[in-house]
Amino acid sequence: MKFGSLPSSLLLLCLCSLASAASVDEWRRRSIYQIMTDRFAADDGSANSAVPGSAPACQSVAGAYCGGTWQGIIQNLDYIQGMNFDAIWISPVVGQLQQLTGDGSSYAGYWQQDLYALNDKFGSADDLRQLISELHDRNMFLMMDVVPNHMAYAGQRSSIDYSVLSPFDDKKYFHPYCAMDYSGDNITALEKCWLGSEYVPLPDLKTEDDGVRDMLGQWIHGMVANYSVDGLRIDAGANVEPDFFTGFVKSAGVFSTAEVYMSNASEACEYQDTVGSILNYPLFWTLTDAFMPDGDLNNLADMMNEQKLVCKDTTALATFSENHDVPRFANHTRDLSLAQNVAASVIMYDGIPVVYQGQEQHFTGGVEPFTNREALWQTRDGFNVFAPIYQLLATLNTFRRHVMSKDTGYVTTKSSVVQKDQHTLVLRKGGSGQPPVVTVLNNLGADAPDTVVSVTDHGYGQSTALMDVVGCAKFNVDSSGALNVGIQRGLPRVLYPADALKDSTLCNTGGNRFKGDSVVMTSIYTTTIGGRAMPTTATATIPTEAATTTASNGHGHKHGSAISRPIPPIYHLLLIFLGVLCLV
């Protein structure tokens, strides 16, 4: 057997790992980057997706298609991997309503008309397969957004031509029209009434009907099998009766998480019994409020503690702070340090972290109208790999992976709130017998004076040296057992034993590190702000390529790759061993 470059040599390993569906245990170890396909990146074949102003003009508020494609995603996977995300969630892929309506177009993907066709605005079946293949070659997962609740029609709800809806081409498959009660108090209305508007009604499927369930089950089984999908995000989960999901998720055969748009933790987490996971909306609303300039972190701590009691498993929930349906955090406050604390919460708290495209660039869009669906390529620094939150996410994702490599119980261990007040929150998380991660969050703001948080319930002995991976500052447990953590500019602190960071690439603890077909490059630079020296960590993941090839640097410019290496002999032996395991 002949081995070539490292990426091709990993093919056997990829085939082995994809032979079985990705489980919740595997998804817990992932970090997800949410992509709105139409608004992430245009195809370089028609325009340069990474140069602001060169791709098709996008009037996002008008609700028209802007030109993002699956090929555009492929061409910018390096940008996503630069933050060390190892999964993406993309918009629904199926055939959509074609008309431009009073509510705009179907660019978001939730106005479906044909489940057995693809949205050709995003690309072809070959394009979608290529995207998934590229992801799997990089050891990344694909989460596909799906909509079992409804179909869509352009026109009056009283004159719907059901024959254009496939495969549900008859009125018998749908509930009779009733107006949605958006208060959320009427469960019957949630499950049987129609979403949508006078321009685009969304006929509500009879998901309680065995025939409808069978048709949806056959469809999702085929989609997952035909495209090698690794997981599902289920839209409008609260609008479908919970027992529907048992059969649907079984038919899919992959990890699924549902959108349950509820603030009550007990009610929302009931859906976890049949889906397995939900997007953590109860935490989202509390998180957003707690990190406002006048917020109270006691409330966030209380929600974390409540969810541990009422939710089946908080480590299987999808943790987020932004998405396409809610205002961005920076729409509420432009304070960068508060946004950085929010980002740290998402990555370091329980569950599967989800970050929405543009959050890393501190975008400020809101809703009504949807200015939070910005085309990334149209912004001045849309693909800026040195943006502060981009760099923070890269650091924390790298750190999270490093901890998981040492602590097999890390992702299944629930965080403990060990200290809280209005302005600070201290979390501790780690498997039994393992050094815990201590995360110190605050809502003080960037202009707050320096302060010290004294932590006592940290899990370490006297004189233990802990390193903050965000700012690369070292703190020692003193003789009284206290860990006095300095807070500067309102930034979060994420602490771990300094000697346990070896080979993590963080804070000069091992230099650059090859990971698969990429190399993680980390450097620390110091700037002076207000007379104070502030160290900042910059991290980037760069694909390993032959020196003669070209690659995008994230801003659309081409350059010769400066990183090249042969596959070490030990990897040949490892791959042969794994190949044998696949055959056993």
Foldseek 3Di string as FASTA:
>chain_A
DDDDFLLVLCPLVLCLVLPAFAALLNLLLFAEEEDLQQQEFAAVVVFQGQAAPTAADDPVLQQERRHGALNRCLQCVQLVCFLPGQEYEYAAFAAADDDQWPNGGCSSRAAAAALPHTHPSHHHPVSLLVSQVSSSSVNGAYAYEDELWWHKDFAAPVDDQLCSHPPRSDPVQFAPEDDADVVLPDLVSLQHHWDDDRGMTTTTGPLVDPVSLVVLLVSLLCVCVVRVHREYEYESPSRHPLQSQQSNCVSNNHQYEYEDQDLDLLVSQVSCVRRVEYAPNVLQVLLLQLLALQHFCVSNQVSLVVNVVRHPAQQSYEYENDDQPFWHSVLRPVFVQSLQLSLCCQLQAHYHRYYYQPSLVSDGAGVPPRPVSHRLSNDNCSSPCPRLSNQSSSQSSLVSSLQCVVAVCFSRWHWDFQDGTGFWTWIWTGDPPDQIKIKIAGNNTQPHAKDKDKGQPRPDDFQFWKAFQFQRDIWGQHPVRITIDIDHSRHMTIIDGPVSCAPSCTSPRDAWDDDRQKIKGKDWDWDADPNDITIGIGITIGGADPQPDWGDPSNSDIDGDPHHDHDDPVVVVVSVVVSVVSVD
